[in-house]
Protein backbone atom coordinates (compact mmCIF):
# COMPACT_ATOMS: atom_id res chain seq x y z
CA MET A 1 86.37 91.76 63.38
CA ALA A 2 88.33 92.56 66.50
CA ILE A 3 86.45 93.37 69.67
CA LYS A 4 87.26 95.94 72.34
CA ALA A 5 88.05 94.53 75.76
CA VAL A 6 89.40 95.72 79.09
CA ALA A 7 91.78 93.93 81.45
CA GLN A 8 90.43 93.01 84.87
CA PHE A 9 93.77 94.23 86.17
CA GLN A 10 92.60 97.80 85.55
CA LEU A 11 89.28 97.45 87.34
CA GLY A 12 90.04 95.28 90.37
CA THR A 13 89.28 98.07 92.83
CA VAL A 14 85.70 98.32 91.51
CA LEU A 15 84.99 94.58 91.43
CA ASN A 16 84.91 93.93 95.18
CA ASN A 17 81.45 92.36 95.47
CA ARG A 18 78.72 91.10 93.16
CA LYS A 19 76.63 94.28 93.10
CA GLN A 20 79.64 96.49 92.47
CA ALA A 21 80.90 94.07 89.80
CA MET A 22 77.57 94.07 87.95
CA ASP A 23 77.44 97.88 88.10
CA THR A 24 80.98 98.02 86.71
CA PHE A 25 80.17 95.53 83.95
CA ARG A 26 77.28 97.76 82.85
CA LEU A 27 79.66 100.72 82.70
CA ILE A 28 82.16 98.66 80.69
CA LYS A 29 79.49 97.79 78.13
CA GLY A 30 78.21 101.35 78.14
CA ALA A 31 81.71 102.53 77.20
CA GLY A 32 81.63 100.28 74.13
CA TYR A 33 83.67 97.32 75.35
CA GLU A 34 82.47 93.82 74.49
CA GLY A 35 85.01 91.74 76.39
CA ILE A 36 87.07 91.38 79.53
CA GLU A 37 90.39 89.66 80.22
CA LEU A 38 90.61 87.95 83.61
CA CYS A 39 93.67 87.44 85.80
CA TYR A 40 94.33 84.40 87.99
CA PHE A 41 95.22 86.30 91.17
CA MET A 42 92.04 88.36 90.91
CA ILE A 43 89.56 85.51 90.41
CA HIS A 44 90.97 83.49 93.32
CA PRO A 45 91.38 84.39 96.98
CA THR A 46 94.75 85.94 97.73
CA SER A 47 96.49 86.71 100.99
CA VAL A 48 96.39 90.08 102.67
CA PHE A 49 100.15 90.29 102.31
CA TYR A 50 99.91 89.79 98.53
CA LYS A 51 97.29 92.51 98.26
CA ILE A 52 99.40 94.87 100.36
CA GLY A 53 102.41 94.19 98.15
CA MET A 54 100.43 94.87 94.99
CA ARG A 55 99.02 98.10 96.40
CA ALA A 56 102.51 99.21 97.47
CA SER A 57 103.68 98.65 93.89
CA GLY A 58 100.96 100.99 92.66
CA THR A 59 98.69 98.26 91.30
CA PRO A 60 95.83 97.56 93.76
CA ILE A 61 93.86 94.43 92.87
CA GLY A 62 90.77 94.76 95.04
CA ARG A 63 88.94 92.04 96.97
CA GLY A 64 87.01 90.21 94.27
CA GLY A 65 88.80 86.88 94.45
CA TRP A 66 86.13 85.32 96.64
CA MET A 67 83.31 85.70 94.12
CA ASP A 68 81.82 83.10 91.75
CA TRP A 69 83.45 84.29 88.54
CA PRO A 70 81.86 81.79 86.13
CA SER A 71 78.46 83.03 87.29
CA LEU A 72 79.54 86.67 87.17
CA VAL A 73 80.84 86.60 83.62
CA LYS A 74 77.81 84.66 82.42
CA ASP A 75 75.53 87.39 83.80
CA SER A 76 77.78 90.24 82.65
CA GLY A 77 77.16 89.81 78.93
CA LEU A 78 80.89 90.29 78.33
CA LYS A 79 83.08 87.83 76.45
CA VAL A 80 86.13 86.54 78.33
CA VAL A 81 88.83 86.98 75.70
CA SER A 82 91.47 85.16 77.77
CA VAL A 83 92.50 84.26 81.31
CA HIS A 84 95.98 85.22 82.46
CA GLN A 85 97.73 82.39 84.28
CA ASN A 86 101.20 81.69 85.67
CA VAL A 87 103.79 78.98 85.15
CA LYS A 88 102.78 77.07 88.28
CA ALA A 89 99.16 76.75 87.17
CA LEU A 90 100.21 75.43 83.76
CA SER A 91 102.97 73.16 85.05
CA LYS A 92 101.36 71.58 88.12
CA HIS A 93 97.63 72.15 87.71
CA LEU A 94 97.04 72.15 83.96
CA GLU A 95 93.86 70.05 83.98
CA LYS A 96 92.29 72.21 86.70
CA THR A 97 93.39 75.38 84.91
CA ALA A 98 91.92 74.19 81.62
CA GLU A 99 88.61 73.27 83.21
CA GLU A 100 88.40 76.61 84.98
CA THR A 101 89.12 78.48 81.74
CA LEU A 102 86.32 76.62 79.99
CA SER A 103 83.95 77.31 82.89
CA LEU A 104 84.56 81.02 82.31
CA GLY A 105 83.57 80.73 78.66
CA ALA A 106 87.11 81.47 77.50
CA ARG A 107 89.14 79.66 74.86
CA ARG A 108 92.54 81.19 75.56
CA VAL A 109 95.02 80.86 78.40
CA THR A 110 97.54 83.70 78.44
CA LEU A 111 100.89 83.27 80.15
CA SER A 112 102.21 86.46 81.70
CA ASN A 113 105.73 85.22 82.23
CA SER A 114 107.57 88.02 84.03
CA HIS A 115 109.92 85.92 86.18
CA THR A 116 111.86 83.95 83.59
CA ASP A 117 115.53 83.97 82.59
CA TYR A 118 115.94 85.47 79.12
CA SER A 119 119.68 86.01 79.43
CA SER A 120 120.89 83.11 77.28
CA GLU A 121 119.93 81.36 74.08
CA GLY A 122 119.63 78.08 75.97
CA ALA A 123 117.24 79.50 78.55
CA VAL A 124 115.02 80.96 75.83
CA ALA A 125 115.08 77.70 73.86
CA ALA A 126 113.98 75.79 76.96
CA LEU A 127 111.11 78.22 77.47
CA ALA A 128 110.10 77.89 73.81
CA ASP A 129 110.02 74.09 74.11
CA TRP A 130 107.92 74.29 77.27
CA LEU A 131 105.50 76.71 75.63
CA SER A 132 104.98 74.43 72.65
CA GLU A 133 104.56 71.39 74.89
CA THR A 134 102.09 73.21 77.14
CA GLY A 135 100.26 74.60 74.13
CA GLY A 136 99.83 71.05 72.88
CA LYS A 137 98.34 69.93 76.19
CA LEU A 138 95.89 72.84 76.24
CA HIS A 139 94.98 72.18 72.61
CA ALA A 140 93.60 68.81 73.70
CA TYR A 141 91.02 70.73 75.77
CA GLY A 142 90.15 73.01 72.86
CA LEU A 143 92.21 75.86 74.33
CA GLU A 144 94.91 78.08 72.85
CA LEU A 145 98.06 79.16 74.69
CA ILE A 146 98.98 82.84 74.32
CA TYR A 147 102.26 84.43 75.39
CA HIS A 148 102.18 87.93 76.93
CA ASN A 149 105.38 89.98 77.00
CA HIS A 150 106.85 92.55 79.34
CA ASN A 151 110.07 94.46 78.57
CA ALA A 152 112.53 91.72 79.59
CA GLU A 153 111.96 89.63 76.45
CA PHE A 154 113.63 92.31 74.37
CA LEU A 155 117.04 91.70 75.90
CA HIS A 156 119.62 90.34 73.45
CA PRO A 157 120.75 86.81 74.41
CA VAL A 158 122.38 86.31 71.00
CA LYS A 159 123.84 88.88 68.67
CA GLY A 160 121.23 90.52 66.51
CA LYS A 161 118.20 88.79 68.04
CA THR A 162 116.03 89.43 71.05
CA ALA A 163 114.60 86.73 73.26
CA TYR A 164 111.19 87.68 71.85
CA GLN A 165 112.35 86.98 68.30
CA LEU A 166 113.68 83.60 69.39
CA LEU A 167 110.35 82.74 71.04
CA ILE A 168 108.53 83.57 67.82
CA GLU A 169 110.94 81.44 65.78
CA GLN A 170 111.20 78.48 68.15
CA THR A 171 107.59 77.95 69.25
CA ASP A 172 105.09 75.91 67.27
CA PRO A 173 102.81 78.36 65.37
CA ALA A 174 99.93 75.90 65.64
CA LEU A 175 100.18 75.75 69.43
CA VAL A 176 101.42 79.14 70.67
CA GLY A 177 100.00 82.58 69.87
CA PHE A 178 101.03 86.00 71.17
CA GLU A 179 99.48 88.88 73.05
CA LEU A 180 101.63 91.91 72.34
CA ASP A 181 101.83 94.44 75.16
CA GLY A 182 102.77 97.60 73.32
CA PHE A 183 103.54 99.58 76.49
CA TRP A 184 106.28 97.19 77.60
CA ALA A 185 107.71 96.75 74.11
CA ALA A 186 107.94 100.54 73.80
CA ASP A 187 109.52 100.68 77.25
CA ALA A 188 112.28 98.44 75.87
CA GLY A 189 112.81 100.83 72.95
CA MET A 190 111.20 98.64 70.32
CA ASP A 191 109.41 99.77 67.16
CA ILE A 192 105.92 98.36 67.77
CA LEU A 193 105.04 98.19 64.08
CA GLN A 194 108.14 96.09 63.39
CA VAL A 195 107.29 93.75 66.27
CA MET A 196 103.77 93.34 64.88
CA ASP A 197 105.23 92.51 61.47
CA MET A 198 107.41 89.84 63.08
CA LEU A 199 104.33 88.30 64.69
CA GLY A 200 102.12 88.45 61.63
CA SER A 201 99.07 86.22 62.00
CA ARG A 202 100.38 84.97 65.36
CA LEU A 203 99.33 88.30 66.89
CA LYS A 204 96.07 87.14 68.48
CA LEU A 205 95.55 89.81 71.17
CA TYR A 206 96.91 93.34 71.56
CA HIS A 207 97.30 95.00 74.97
CA ILE A 208 97.06 98.73 74.45
CA THR A 209 98.18 101.46 76.84
CA ASP A 210 99.38 104.99 76.23
CA ARG A 211 102.51 106.34 77.88
CA GLY A 212 102.61 109.49 79.97
CA SER A 213 102.96 110.76 83.52
CA THR A 214 100.46 112.26 85.91
CA ARG A 215 103.16 113.73 88.12
CA LYS A 216 103.18 117.50 88.40
CA GLY A 217 105.79 120.02 89.45
CA ALA A 218 109.52 120.12 88.94
CA ALA A 219 111.36 116.98 87.89
CA ALA A 220 113.73 115.39 90.36
CA THR A 221 116.36 112.68 90.42
CA PRO A 222 115.72 109.93 89.58
CA ILE A 223 114.11 111.04 86.35
CA ILE A 224 110.31 110.78 86.40
CA GLN A 225 109.21 107.35 85.24
CA TYR A 226 106.54 106.84 82.63
CA MET A 227 103.14 105.68 83.75
CA GLY A 228 100.10 104.55 81.81
CA ALA A 229 97.89 107.26 80.34
CA GLU A 230 94.41 107.20 78.84
CA LEU A 231 94.50 106.36 75.14
CA GLY A 232 95.15 109.50 73.13
CA ASN A 233 96.36 111.44 76.16
CA GLY A 234 99.94 110.14 76.15
CA ASN A 235 102.84 110.31 73.73
CA MET A 236 102.51 107.04 71.81
CA ASN A 237 101.48 107.18 68.16
CA LEU A 238 98.73 104.63 68.65
CA GLU A 239 96.73 105.00 65.43
CA PRO A 240 99.15 103.14 63.11
CA MET A 241 99.59 100.44 65.75
CA ILE A 242 95.85 99.88 65.98
CA ARG A 243 95.46 99.85 62.21
CA LYS A 244 98.37 97.43 61.83
CA ALA A 245 96.93 95.08 64.47
CA LEU A 246 93.55 95.12 62.73
CA CYS A 247 95.19 94.50 59.36
CA LEU A 248 96.95 91.44 60.80
CA GLY A 249 93.64 90.04 62.04
CA VAL A 250 94.03 90.58 65.79
CA GLU A 251 90.97 89.22 67.57
CA ALA A 252 90.80 91.62 70.52
CA ILE A 253 92.35 94.94 71.49
CA ILE A 254 92.55 95.01 75.27
CA LEU A 255 92.89 98.15 77.36
CA GLU A 256 95.14 97.92 80.41
CA THR A 257 96.00 101.10 82.26
CA HIS A 258 96.66 99.96 85.80
CA ARG A 259 97.75 103.24 87.39
CA GLY A 260 97.94 106.96 86.70
CA TRP A 261 94.18 107.00 86.05
CA GLU A 262 92.34 110.18 85.20
CA ASN A 263 91.34 111.73 88.54
CA GLY A 264 92.48 108.48 90.17
CA ASP A 265 89.35 106.79 88.81
CA PRO A 266 89.84 103.52 86.85
CA VAL A 267 86.29 103.63 85.47
CA LYS A 268 86.62 107.19 84.17
CA SER A 269 89.98 106.22 82.67
CA MET A 270 88.39 103.22 80.96
CA GLN A 271 85.59 105.41 79.57
CA THR A 272 88.00 108.02 78.19
CA SER A 273 90.06 105.33 76.49
CA GLY A 274 86.87 103.79 75.12
CA GLU A 275 86.05 107.04 73.36
CA TYR A 276 89.43 106.90 71.64
CA LEU A 277 89.06 103.25 70.61
CA ALA A 278 85.59 103.98 69.17
CA LYS A 279 87.36 105.75 66.28
CA PHE A 280 88.74 102.43 65.09
CA LEU A 281 86.43 99.68 66.40
């Protein structure tokens, strides 16, 4: 049975110290969530400049990187469904990354690979080989490698196929799973149900966000961009996506709405989305 989880990325601004974190964890559990997904740049100290840049992009990450996260998650009562990492951590510091993941009680390392070249078949093939190789190394530690998409993977490096399709075809199913981010796939114009069918049993985790805009007043040029919305408050037909993911055996459905929160409050946003997810989980 899949569990409900929430991405740390959504709640960084209310995880700034131990007391606040424990209070937030209680609210997460009270909203019906059983798990949390951690992110490497939020469980480690980061520079002021990095934090400023993230805030300027509309995604503040808070100041929780200095805390003892293994101790925090142990006391939280929440299951760590995965830990998002980057290419550097998996290429240059794999042993350390694996040990840290295990110390957090997690069994999955998720690669959020937003700065890769998907523009040619050769580039995608090289990435697929690296993913399978890295998945094999993590497997030796009892860990599973998961690939998380954005919108760039749905470019077409070869006629009739997206980079995402090639990654599914060219990675070892025993060593590489997938975390489908429905928001970004929809942003690329994809049919989410078809993407889920392509993944089949390799769909291990499902990042769920609704699409909408909190901006009010007359539209202007450039056209208003979509933002995340609370589940059920946007314009995505989420119910068949959730049911399809559950049918395929997804192990966690993970909320991530990292801006455009209801009343500017990430906790209230998380609670509203939790009410929607309670219909299915």
